Amino acid sequence: MAAVPPGVRLLVSFDRDQWYRALTFVLTFLLYTSFHLSRKPISIVKSELHKNCSSVAELATAASGSGGSGLQPPTLQPVHVDVDCSWKPFDKTNYKQLLGAMDYSFLCAYAIGMYLSGIIGERLPIRLYLTVGMLSSGLFTCLFGLGYVYNIHSLGFYVFVQVANGLVQTTGWPSVVTCISNWFGKGRRGLIMGLWNSHTSVGNILGSLIAGYWVSSNWGLSFIVPGLIIAAMGVVCFLFLIEHPNDLKSLYAATPPDTSPKTKNWSGVNGHTDVCLQYKDNKAQSYDTELLLPRDSVCVPVQPVVVVRRESEPSPISFMGALRIPGVVEFSLCLLFAKLVSYTFLFWLPLYITKAAHLDAKKAGDLSTLFDVGGIVGGILAGVISDKLGKRASTCAVMLLLAAPTLYGFSMISELGLGPTVGMLLVCGGLVNGPYSLITTAVSADLGTHKSLKGNARALSTVTAIIDGTGSVGAALGPLLAGLLSAGGWDQVFYMLMAADFLALLLLLRLVMKELTSNKPRPISAVELKEH
């Protein structure tokens, strides 16, 4: 008999629950990867919506000057004759403000919708809620790309699509965080969430690469393809997402053998029907049993029994009740400024690289992915360190303290060449996205299952939505301020980002002091903190 292959031995070593956990981890990872994948194209396409028209003007002048020589160059008809240089209405001198307004419309709608999304998500099936949101997001992402196909130049159209997409994308984060927290307890939550939250950077990287592939030839496909991907993942979500381990109980509940006594109806008094028990068995009865239940002669009436549940389903927490959980307000306000920095990079980094390093849109988009690679490493490190020390706030504070001077260094070094820029992008990505990743995942899950809730896990979606919704206010302000300040030079943008990091640090000082003055360190371990 041949030996069992080692790979098969590895597969069968995991029990059923571990396989379902792995499925939930991978599936929610891919689901939210598609969310970020569909958000990234706008930052890649910005440099195509408004190009440097000087080279185009020079070519046009040269072509008109050659007309008198009698040589007629071959005429090439572009797809869109009236937008050879820039895409109207972004061909004006205030194009930065217009592009910033598009970012702001998406992020403002996202921030407002996020506060409602968590409350709604706790009252609806997460799988269906998430599926509808992903299908709708795919529709609106494709609509933006169809503006190129149908030659639409209305600013109102693009703003409407951005607002609608921002609202439906709020279905994603509270849903996936609730699912992953339902399946994974507090043990090593920082590490697990750090690995899982890399979907943000993976989605940004894939979105940059996909959008950059078509940005110079047909930027409409830079939106249509990501839109189709997130819609397809919505179908996958509907087919496979399991919200909670308890949902599997009905699937695997073994049907017990029918050993209960037979029932028989007998005519009761005044026309009522009484339910009676009648003993029926092939085995010989004992003498005592025959005295109690003779085989076919006596029927014992059954008294009605009212079954009272020992515990009622926990009711969803109110908005104000979630705010009263210790730490929610501080971490929410900290995330406002941390996300302001992260989303400014998300929406404006490719354009900045285009202007500072004089690269085309595709190369700038590819280079900007290094920021997200650093974000993956930073998120994992933040989770591991906070698990080891048991100090979430202190871990975030140290990274924020290091991030501010690093941003200033990046603004200086990015003008020195490609090599130094690559290194600083990786460092900046880790320090900027590390606190952002930790707060939106492990911290949100910790607060959503805080001991003051007395085991009410239904509060998790609301707490997650409050924290991320407040952070999304900063995410809306960052790109808007960047669009306004960049008109006076990119240095002002970096000063704004450094100030935001310092403010985020200040908001955590009370929690940091509380952690540092605690009597004993409390590393978060699987033994000490059991899964809920």
Foldseek 3Di string as FASTA:
>chain_A
DDDDDVVVVVVVVDDPLVVVLVVLLVLLLLLVLLLLLLVQLLLLLLCQQADDCPVVVVVVVVQVVCVVVVDHDDDDDDPDNVAPHHQPPCHDPLNLLLSLLLLLLLLVLLLVLLLVLLVVCLVDPLLVLSLVLLLQLLVLLLQLLVCQVVVPRDSVSSSVSSNSNSNSSSSRQLSSLQQSQQSDFQALQLQSLLLSLLSNLSSNLNLLQLQLVCSVPRNSSSRNVSSVSSNVSSVVSNVDHDRHPVVCCVVPPDDDDPPAFDWDWDQDPPRDIFIWGAHDDPDDDDPVVCVVHNHPDDTHTDDDDDDDDPDDADDADDLVRLVPQPPLVLLLLLLQLLLLLVLLLSNHQLVVLCVQVVDDSSVSSNLSSLLSVLLSVLSNVLSVVCLAQVQNLVSLLVLLVVLLVLLVVLVVCSNVDDVVNSVSSSSNSNSSNNNNSCSLHSVLSCSCCDVVVVRNNSHSSSSSSSSVSSNSNSSSVNSSVCSVCCVVPNVVSSVSSSVSSVVSSVSSVVSNVVQVPDPDGDRRRCVVTPGD
